[in-house]
Amino acid sequence: MAFLIKSMVGNPLKGMGLGGGEEKAEEETPKDPAAAAGMTREEYEEYQKQVVEEKMERDADFLHKKAERATLRVCLREKYRLPKSEQDDNMLQMAGDDVDVPEELLKMVDEDATEEEEKDSILGQMQNLQNMDMDQLKEKASATLTEMKTKAEEKCSVM
């Protein structure tokens, strides 16, 4: 019913400018994106070029950093004799051969390696022995021995 009334009254009133302003709003919206952004066509094209160039630079930097991380992971996998990762190999192939591990990461890896070497050496093991609490070790050993004796007495009828 409302549709019928609107079509009968609305159509004649549109010509007078009294009703139906909805279509004018759609016509006022500019179809050109440059005009919508408040720029001339040339300014808009230059802006779009800059946006694309910046995106390409960001993507290239991102890929380079990912390749650096992949290189570091490959080095660590070789060091610890872990299986190779196909994803890392693919990343390195995409980036090319000019990828080096950042110096900061290399320093961190080298520091960890020297610490591990010190711990693995005989002197490192001796330092660990010095840091142990001998009284605590004696208490643990005697507690274990008495526990074993009691269990043996429970199980063995001769003792």
N, C-alpha and C. Protein backbone atom coordinates (compact mmCIF):
# COMPACT_ATOMS: atom_id res chain seq x y z
N MET A 1 0.82 -1.18 0.00
CA MET A 1 0.00 0.00 0.00
C MET A 1 0.87 1.26 0.00
N ALA A 2 1.94 1.24 0.86
CA ALA A 2 2.81 2.40 0.94
C ALA A 2 3.54 2.61 -0.38
N PHE A 3 3.88 1.51 -1.03
CA PHE A 3 4.55 1.60 -2.32
C PHE A 3 3.68 2.30 -3.36
N LEU A 4 2.42 1.95 -3.35
CA LEU A 4 1.47 2.54 -4.29
C LEU A 4 1.34 4.04 -4.08
N ILE A 5 1.25 4.45 -2.82
CA ILE A 5 1.10 5.88 -2.51
C ILE A 5 2.39 6.61 -2.87
N LYS A 6 3.50 6.03 -2.55
CA LYS A 6 4.78 6.68 -2.85
C LYS A 6 4.97 6.84 -4.35
N SER A 7 4.63 5.82 -5.12
CA SER A 7 4.80 5.92 -6.56
C SER A 7 3.84 6.94 -7.18
N MET A 8 2.66 7.08 -6.62
CA MET A 8 1.69 8.03 -7.17
C MET A 8 2.04 9.47 -6.79
N VAL A 9 2.44 9.68 -5.54
CA VAL A 9 2.71 11.03 -5.07
C VAL A 9 4.17 11.41 -5.30
N GLY A 10 5.08 10.47 -5.14
CA GLY A 10 6.51 10.76 -5.22
C GLY A 10 6.98 11.17 -6.59
N ASN A 11 6.54 10.50 -7.62
CA ASN A 11 7.00 10.80 -8.97
C ASN A 11 6.65 12.22 -9.42
N PRO A 12 5.43 12.70 -9.24
CA PRO A 12 5.14 14.07 -9.67
C PRO A 12 5.87 15.11 -8.82
N LEU A 13 6.12 14.80 -7.55
CA LEU A 13 6.76 15.78 -6.68
C LEU A 13 8.27 15.88 -6.94
N LYS A 14 8.88 14.86 -7.53
CA LYS A 14 10.31 14.90 -7.83
C LYS A 14 10.62 16.01 -8.80
N GLY A 15 9.77 16.20 -9.75
CA GLY A 15 9.98 17.26 -10.74
C GLY A 15 9.91 18.64 -10.12
N MET A 16 9.14 18.82 -9.05
CA MET A 16 9.01 20.12 -8.40
C MET A 16 10.13 20.36 -7.40
N GLY A 17 10.84 19.34 -7.04
CA GLY A 17 11.95 19.50 -6.10
C GLY A 17 11.50 19.37 -4.67
N LEU A 18 10.32 18.86 -4.42
CA LEU A 18 9.82 18.74 -3.06
C LEU A 18 10.18 17.40 -2.42
N GLY A 19 10.34 16.38 -3.17
CA GLY A 19 10.62 15.07 -2.58
C GLY A 19 11.63 14.31 -3.40
N GLY A 20 12.09 13.23 -2.84
CA GLY A 20 13.00 12.33 -3.56
C GLY A 20 14.38 12.89 -3.75
N GLY A 21 14.96 13.50 -2.76
CA GLY A 21 16.32 14.04 -2.85
C GLY A 21 17.39 12.97 -2.75
N GLU A 22 16.99 11.73 -2.65
CA GLU A 22 17.95 10.64 -2.47
C GLU A 22 18.81 10.45 -3.71
N GLU A 23 18.29 10.59 -4.89
CA GLU A 23 19.05 10.36 -6.11
C GLU A 23 20.05 11.47 -6.36
N LYS A 24 19.78 12.68 -5.92
CA LYS A 24 20.70 13.79 -6.11
C LYS A 24 21.99 13.57 -5.31
N ALA A 25 21.85 12.98 -4.13
CA ALA A 25 23.03 12.73 -3.31
C ALA A 25 23.97 11.75 -4.01
N GLU A 26 23.41 10.78 -4.68
CA GLU A 26 24.24 9.82 -5.41
C GLU A 26 24.93 10.47 -6.59
N GLU A 27 24.28 11.40 -7.24
CA GLU A 27 24.86 12.07 -8.39
C GLU A 27 25.97 13.04 -7.98
N GLU A 28 25.88 13.61 -6.78
CA GLU A 28 26.88 14.59 -6.33
C GLU A 28 28.20 13.93 -5.97
N THR A 29 28.20 12.66 -5.63
CA THR A 29 29.43 11.96 -5.28
C THR A 29 30.29 11.84 -6.53
N PRO A 30 31.52 12.36 -6.49
CA PRO A 30 32.37 12.29 -7.69
C PRO A 30 32.80 10.86 -7.96
N LYS A 31 32.81 10.51 -9.22
CA LYS A 31 33.21 9.17 -9.62
C LYS A 31 34.73 9.07 -9.75
N ASP A 32 35.40 10.17 -9.93
CA ASP A 32 36.85 10.19 -10.07
C ASP A 32 37.48 10.14 -8.67
N PRO A 33 38.37 9.16 -8.40
CA PRO A 33 38.98 9.08 -7.07
C PRO A 33 39.87 10.28 -6.75
N ALA A 34 40.43 10.91 -7.77
CA ALA A 34 41.26 12.10 -7.54
C ALA A 34 40.40 13.23 -6.99
N ALA A 35 39.24 13.40 -7.56
CA ALA A 35 38.35 14.45 -7.08
C ALA A 35 37.86 14.13 -5.67
N ALA A 36 37.63 12.86 -5.40
CA ALA A 36 37.20 12.46 -4.07
C ALA A 36 38.28 12.73 -3.04
N ALA A 37 39.54 12.61 -3.42
CA ALA A 37 40.65 12.86 -2.50
C ALA A 37 41.01 14.34 -2.43
N GLY A 38 40.40 15.15 -3.27
CA GLY A 38 40.67 16.59 -3.26
C GLY A 38 41.96 16.94 -3.98
N MET A 39 42.33 16.18 -4.98
CA MET A 39 43.57 16.42 -5.72
C MET A 39 43.24 16.50 -7.21
N THR A 40 44.20 17.02 -7.93
CA THR A 40 44.06 16.99 -9.38
C THR A 40 44.43 15.58 -9.85
N ARG A 41 44.17 15.31 -11.08
CA ARG A 41 44.43 13.99 -11.64
C ARG A 41 45.93 13.67 -11.60
N GLU A 42 46.77 14.64 -11.94
CA GLU A 42 48.22 14.42 -11.95
C GLU A 42 48.75 14.18 -10.53
N GLU A 43 48.24 14.98 -9.57
CA GLU A 43 48.68 14.81 -8.18
C GLU A 43 48.28 13.43 -7.67
N TYR A 44 47.09 13.02 -8.03
CA TYR A 44 46.60 11.71 -7.58
C TYR A 44 47.45 10.58 -8.17
N GLU A 45 47.79 10.68 -9.46
CA GLU A 45 48.62 9.66 -10.08
C GLU A 45 50.01 9.61 -9.44
N GLU A 46 50.59 10.77 -9.15
CA GLU A 46 51.90 10.83 -8.50
C GLU A 46 51.82 10.22 -7.09
N TYR A 47 50.75 10.52 -6.40
CA TYR A 47 50.54 9.96 -5.06
C TYR A 47 50.44 8.44 -5.12
N GLN A 48 49.71 7.92 -6.09
CA GLN A 48 49.57 6.48 -6.25
C GLN A 48 50.92 5.83 -6.56
N LYS A 49 51.74 6.48 -7.38
CA LYS A 49 53.07 5.95 -7.70
C LYS A 49 53.92 5.88 -6.44
N GLN A 50 53.86 6.94 -5.62
CA GLN A 50 54.64 6.95 -4.38
C GLN A 50 54.19 5.85 -3.44
N VAL A 51 52.90 5.65 -3.35
CA VAL A 51 52.37 4.60 -2.49
C VAL A 51 52.87 3.23 -2.94
N VAL A 52 52.84 2.99 -4.23
CA VAL A 52 53.29 1.70 -4.77
C VAL A 52 54.79 1.53 -4.54
N GLU A 53 55.58 2.58 -4.75
CA GLU A 53 57.02 2.48 -4.55
C GLU A 53 57.35 2.21 -3.09
N GLU A 54 56.67 2.89 -2.18
CA GLU A 54 56.92 2.68 -0.76
C GLU A 54 56.55 1.26 -0.35
N LYS A 55 55.47 0.76 -0.89
CA LYS A 55 55.06 -0.61 -0.58
C LYS A 55 56.11 -1.60 -1.09
N MET A 56 56.62 -1.36 -2.28
CA MET A 56 57.65 -2.25 -2.83
C MET A 56 58.91 -2.22 -1.97
N GLU A 57 59.30 -1.04 -1.49
CA GLU A 57 60.48 -0.93 -0.63
C GLU A 57 60.26 -1.68 0.68
N ARG A 58 59.09 -1.51 1.28
CA ARG A 58 58.79 -2.21 2.53
C ARG A 58 58.80 -3.71 2.33
N ASP A 59 58.22 -4.17 1.24
CA ASP A 59 58.21 -5.60 0.95
C ASP A 59 59.61 -6.14 0.74
N ALA A 60 60.46 -5.37 0.04
CA ALA A 60 61.84 -5.81 -0.19
C ALA A 60 62.61 -5.87 1.12
N ASP A 61 62.44 -4.87 1.98
CA ASP A 61 63.11 -4.88 3.28
C ASP A 61 62.64 -6.07 4.13
N PHE A 62 61.34 -6.32 4.09
CA PHE A 62 60.77 -7.42 4.85
C PHE A 62 61.33 -8.76 4.37
N LEU A 63 61.39 -8.94 3.06
CA LEU A 63 61.94 -10.18 2.52
C LEU A 63 63.41 -10.35 2.87
N HIS A 64 64.15 -9.24 2.85
CA HIS A 64 65.57 -9.30 3.20
C HIS A 64 65.74 -9.72 4.67
N LYS A 65 64.94 -9.15 5.55
CA LYS A 65 65.05 -9.52 6.97
C LYS A 65 64.64 -10.97 7.18
N LYS A 66 63.61 -11.42 6.47
CA LYS A 66 63.22 -12.82 6.58
C LYS A 66 64.34 -13.73 6.09
N ALA A 67 65.02 -13.33 5.03
CA ALA A 67 66.13 -14.12 4.51
C ALA A 67 67.29 -14.15 5.50
N GLU A 68 67.55 -13.02 6.17
CA GLU A 68 68.61 -13.00 7.18
C GLU A 68 68.29 -13.97 8.31
N ARG A 69 67.05 -13.95 8.74
CA ARG A 69 66.66 -14.87 9.81
C ARG A 69 66.78 -16.32 9.35
N ALA A 70 66.40 -16.58 8.11
CA ALA A 70 66.51 -17.94 7.57
C ALA A 70 67.97 -18.37 7.53
N THR A 71 68.86 -17.46 7.16
CA THR A 71 70.28 -17.76 7.13
C THR A 71 70.78 -18.14 8.52
N LEU A 72 70.35 -17.38 9.51
CA LEU A 72 70.74 -17.68 10.88
C LEU A 72 70.20 -19.04 11.31
N ARG A 73 68.96 -19.33 10.95
CA ARG A 73 68.40 -20.63 11.31
C ARG A 73 69.17 -21.76 10.64
N VAL A 74 69.56 -21.55 9.39
CA VAL A 74 70.34 -22.58 8.69
C VAL A 74 71.67 -22.79 9.40
N CYS A 75 72.32 -21.71 9.81
CA CYS A 75 73.60 -21.83 10.54
C CYS A 75 73.41 -22.60 11.85
N LEU A 76 72.34 -22.28 12.55
CA LEU A 76 72.10 -22.97 13.82
C LEU A 76 71.75 -24.44 13.59
N ARG A 77 71.01 -24.72 12.53
CA ARG A 77 70.68 -26.11 12.23
C ARG A 77 71.95 -26.90 11.90
N GLU A 78 72.87 -26.28 11.17
CA GLU A 78 74.12 -26.96 10.86
C GLU A 78 74.95 -27.17 12.12
N LYS A 79 74.96 -26.17 12.98
CA LYS A 79 75.76 -26.24 14.20
C LYS A 79 75.28 -27.37 15.10
N TYR A 80 73.96 -27.48 15.27
CA TYR A 80 73.40 -28.47 16.17
C TYR A 80 72.99 -29.76 15.46
N ARG A 81 73.33 -29.85 14.18
CA ARG A 81 73.06 -31.03 13.36
C ARG A 81 71.58 -31.39 13.36
N LEU A 82 70.76 -30.38 13.17
CA LEU A 82 69.31 -30.58 13.06
C LEU A 82 68.93 -30.75 11.60
N PRO A 83 67.78 -31.34 11.34
CA PRO A 83 67.38 -31.51 9.93
C PRO A 83 67.11 -30.16 9.27
N LYS A 84 67.37 -30.12 7.98
CA LYS A 84 67.20 -28.88 7.22
C LYS A 84 65.72 -28.57 7.05
N SER A 85 65.43 -27.31 6.93
CA SER A 85 64.07 -26.85 6.72
C SER A 85 63.90 -26.44 5.27
N GLU A 86 62.90 -26.98 4.63
CA GLU A 86 62.65 -26.66 3.23
C GLU A 86 62.19 -25.20 3.09
N GLN A 87 61.47 -24.74 4.08
CA GLN A 87 60.99 -23.35 4.05
C GLN A 87 62.16 -22.37 4.08
N ASP A 88 63.15 -22.64 4.91
CA ASP A 88 64.33 -21.77 4.97
C ASP A 88 65.10 -21.81 3.65
N ASP A 89 65.23 -22.99 3.08
CA ASP A 89 65.94 -23.10 1.80
C ASP A 89 65.23 -22.30 0.71
N ASN A 90 63.91 -22.39 0.69
CA ASN A 90 63.14 -21.62 -0.30
C ASN A 90 63.30 -20.13 -0.10
N MET A 91 63.31 -19.70 1.16
CA MET A 91 63.47 -18.27 1.46
C MET A 91 64.84 -17.77 0.98
N LEU A 92 65.87 -18.57 1.19
CA LEU A 92 67.21 -18.17 0.76
C LEU A 92 67.31 -18.13 -0.76
N GLN A 93 66.65 -19.04 -1.44
CA GLN A 93 66.67 -19.03 -2.90
C GLN A 93 65.96 -17.79 -3.44
N MET A 94 64.87 -17.41 -2.81
CA MET A 94 64.14 -16.22 -3.26
C MET A 94 64.97 -14.96 -3.05
N ALA A 95 65.69 -14.90 -1.94
CA ALA A 95 66.45 -13.69 -1.62
C ALA A 95 67.75 -13.60 -2.40
N GLY A 96 68.29 -14.71 -2.81
CA GLY A 96 69.56 -14.70 -3.54
C GLY A 96 70.72 -14.98 -2.60
N ASP A 97 71.92 -14.84 -3.13
CA ASP A 97 73.12 -15.17 -2.35
C ASP A 97 73.68 -13.99 -1.58
N ASP A 98 73.13 -12.82 -1.72
CA ASP A 98 73.70 -11.63 -1.09
C ASP A 98 73.22 -11.42 0.35
N VAL A 99 72.62 -12.42 0.95
CA VAL A 99 72.08 -12.28 2.30
C VAL A 99 73.13 -12.71 3.31
N ASP A 100 73.42 -11.84 4.25
CA ASP A 100 74.33 -12.13 5.34
C ASP A 100 73.56 -12.04 6.65
N VAL A 101 74.07 -12.73 7.63
CA VAL A 101 73.45 -12.66 8.95
C VAL A 101 73.86 -11.33 9.58
N PRO A 102 72.92 -10.61 10.20
CA PRO A 102 73.28 -9.34 10.84
C PRO A 102 74.34 -9.54 11.92
N GLU A 103 75.17 -8.53 12.09
CA GLU A 103 76.27 -8.64 13.06
C GLU A 103 75.78 -8.85 14.48
N GLU A 104 74.67 -8.20 14.83
CA GLU A 104 74.14 -8.34 16.18
C GLU A 104 73.76 -9.79 16.48
N LEU A 105 73.14 -10.44 15.50
CA LEU A 105 72.75 -11.83 15.69
C LEU A 105 73.97 -12.73 15.76
N LEU A 106 74.97 -12.43 14.94
CA LEU A 106 76.20 -13.23 14.98
C LEU A 106 76.89 -13.11 16.33
N LYS A 107 76.90 -11.90 16.90
CA LYS A 107 77.50 -11.71 18.22
C LYS A 107 76.77 -12.54 19.26
N MET A 108 75.44 -12.54 19.19
CA MET A 108 74.65 -13.31 20.15
C MET A 108 74.95 -14.80 20.02
N VAL A 109 75.02 -15.29 18.81
CA VAL A 109 75.29 -16.71 18.58
C VAL A 109 76.69 -17.06 19.05
N ASP A 110 77.67 -16.20 18.78
CA ASP A 110 79.04 -16.45 19.21
C ASP A 110 79.15 -16.47 20.73
N GLU A 111 78.45 -15.56 21.40
CA GLU A 111 78.47 -15.53 22.86
C GLU A 111 77.90 -16.83 23.42
N ASP A 112 76.79 -17.28 22.85
CA ASP A 112 76.19 -18.53 23.31
C ASP A 112 77.13 -19.70 23.07
N ALA A 113 77.80 -19.69 21.94
CA ALA A 113 78.71 -20.79 21.62
C ALA A 113 79.88 -20.83 22.60
N THR A 114 80.44 -19.69 22.93
CA THR A 114 81.56 -19.68 23.88
C THR A 114 81.10 -20.12 25.26
N GLU A 115 79.91 -19.71 25.67
CA GLU A 115 79.40 -20.15 26.97
C GLU A 115 79.21 -21.66 27.00
N GLU A 116 78.68 -22.21 25.90
CA GLU A 116 78.48 -23.66 25.84
C GLU A 116 79.80 -24.40 25.84
N GLU A 117 80.80 -23.86 25.15
CA GLU A 117 82.11 -24.50 25.12
C GLU A 117 82.73 -24.49 26.51
N GLU A 118 82.56 -23.40 27.24
CA GLU A 118 83.11 -23.33 28.59
C GLU A 118 82.43 -24.34 29.51
N LYS A 119 81.13 -24.49 29.35
CA LYS A 119 80.40 -25.45 30.20
C LYS A 119 80.78 -26.87 29.86
N ASP A 120 81.07 -27.14 28.59
CA ASP A 120 81.39 -28.49 28.15
C ASP A 120 82.83 -28.89 28.48
N SER A 121 83.69 -27.91 28.73
CA SER A 121 85.09 -28.24 28.99
C SER A 121 85.25 -28.83 30.39
N ILE A 122 86.42 -29.40 30.65
CA ILE A 122 86.71 -30.01 31.95
C ILE A 122 86.73 -28.94 33.04
N LEU A 123 87.30 -27.79 32.71
CA LEU A 123 87.34 -26.72 33.70
C LEU A 123 85.93 -26.24 34.06
N GLY A 124 85.06 -26.21 33.08
CA GLY A 124 83.67 -25.81 33.35
C GLY A 124 82.97 -26.81 34.25
N GLN A 125 83.26 -28.10 34.06
CA GLN A 125 82.67 -29.12 34.91
C GLN A 125 83.22 -29.03 36.33
N MET A 126 84.50 -28.70 36.44
CA MET A 126 85.09 -28.55 37.78
C MET A 126 84.48 -27.36 38.51
N GLN A 127 84.21 -26.29 37.77
CA GLN A 127 83.57 -25.14 38.40
C GLN A 127 82.17 -25.49 38.87
N ASN A 128 81.49 -26.32 38.12
CA ASN A 128 80.16 -26.76 38.55
C ASN A 128 80.25 -27.59 39.82
N LEU A 129 81.31 -28.40 39.94
CA LEU A 129 81.49 -29.18 41.17
C LEU A 129 81.75 -28.28 42.36
N GLN A 130 82.49 -27.20 42.14
CA GLN A 130 82.77 -26.26 43.23
C GLN A 130 81.50 -25.55 43.68
N ASN A 131 80.61 -25.33 42.77
CA ASN A 131 79.38 -24.61 43.11
C ASN A 131 78.35 -25.51 43.79
N MET A 132 78.56 -26.83 43.77
CA MET A 132 77.60 -27.73 44.39
C MET A 132 77.75 -27.71 45.90
N ASP A 133 76.66 -27.95 46.56
CA ASP A 133 76.65 -28.02 48.02
C ASP A 133 76.91 -29.47 48.42
N MET A 134 78.09 -29.73 48.99
CA MET A 134 78.48 -31.09 49.33
C MET A 134 77.62 -31.66 50.45
N ASP A 135 77.22 -30.83 51.39
CA ASP A 135 76.37 -31.31 52.49
C ASP A 135 75.03 -31.79 51.95
N GLN A 136 74.51 -31.06 51.01
CA GLN A 136 73.23 -31.44 50.42
C GLN A 136 73.38 -32.77 49.67
N LEU A 137 74.50 -32.93 48.94
CA LEU A 137 74.73 -34.20 48.24
C LEU A 137 74.85 -35.37 49.22
N LYS A 138 75.55 -35.17 50.34
CA LYS A 138 75.70 -36.23 51.34
C LYS A 138 74.34 -36.60 51.93
N GLU A 139 73.51 -35.60 52.18
CA GLU A 139 72.18 -35.87 52.74
C GLU A 139 71.33 -36.66 51.74
N LYS A 140 71.38 -36.30 50.48
CA LYS A 140 70.62 -37.03 49.46
C LYS A 140 71.10 -38.47 49.34
N ALA A 141 72.42 -38.65 49.36
CA ALA A 141 72.98 -39.99 49.24
C ALA A 141 72.60 -40.86 50.43
N SER A 142 72.69 -40.31 51.63
CA SER A 142 72.34 -41.11 52.81
C SER A 142 70.84 -41.40 52.86
N ALA A 143 70.02 -40.45 52.42
CA ALA A 143 68.58 -40.68 52.38
C ALA A 143 68.24 -41.77 51.38
N THR A 144 68.90 -41.77 50.25
CA THR A 144 68.67 -42.80 49.24
C THR A 144 69.11 -44.16 49.75
N LEU A 145 70.24 -44.21 50.44
CA LEU A 145 70.75 -45.47 50.97
C LEU A 145 69.81 -46.04 52.03
N THR A 146 69.35 -45.22 52.93
CA THR A 146 68.43 -45.71 53.97
C THR A 146 67.10 -46.14 53.36
N GLU A 147 66.65 -45.43 52.34
CA GLU A 147 65.41 -45.81 51.67
C GLU A 147 65.55 -47.17 50.99
N MET A 148 66.70 -47.40 50.37
CA MET A 148 66.93 -48.68 49.72
C MET A 148 66.99 -49.81 50.76
N LYS A 149 67.59 -49.55 51.92
CA LYS A 149 67.68 -50.57 52.97
C LYS A 149 66.30 -50.93 53.49
N THR A 150 65.48 -49.92 53.71
CA THR A 150 64.14 -50.20 54.23
C THR A 150 63.31 -50.99 53.21
N LYS A 151 63.41 -50.66 51.96
CA LYS A 151 62.67 -51.40 50.92
C LYS A 151 63.18 -52.83 50.83
N ALA A 152 64.49 -53.01 50.94
CA ALA A 152 65.06 -54.36 50.89
C ALA A 152 64.61 -55.17 52.09
N GLU A 153 64.54 -54.57 53.27
CA GLU A 153 64.09 -55.28 54.47
C GLU A 153 62.64 -55.69 54.37
N GLU A 154 61.83 -54.84 53.74
CA GLU A 154 60.41 -55.16 53.57
C GLU A 154 60.22 -56.33 52.62
N LYS A 155 61.02 -56.39 51.58
CA LYS A 155 60.88 -57.42 50.57
C LYS A 155 61.59 -58.74 50.95
N CYS A 156 62.66 -58.62 51.68
CA CYS A 156 63.47 -59.80 51.97
C CYS A 156 63.18 -60.28 53.40
N SER A 157 62.84 -61.52 53.57
CA SER A 157 62.52 -62.05 54.90
C SER A 157 63.78 -62.37 55.71
N VAL A 158 64.92 -62.56 55.08
CA VAL A 158 66.18 -62.87 55.76
C VAL A 158 66.71 -61.64 56.48
N MET A 159 66.57 -60.48 55.88
CA MET A 159 67.13 -59.26 56.50
C MET A 159 66.19 -58.85 57.58
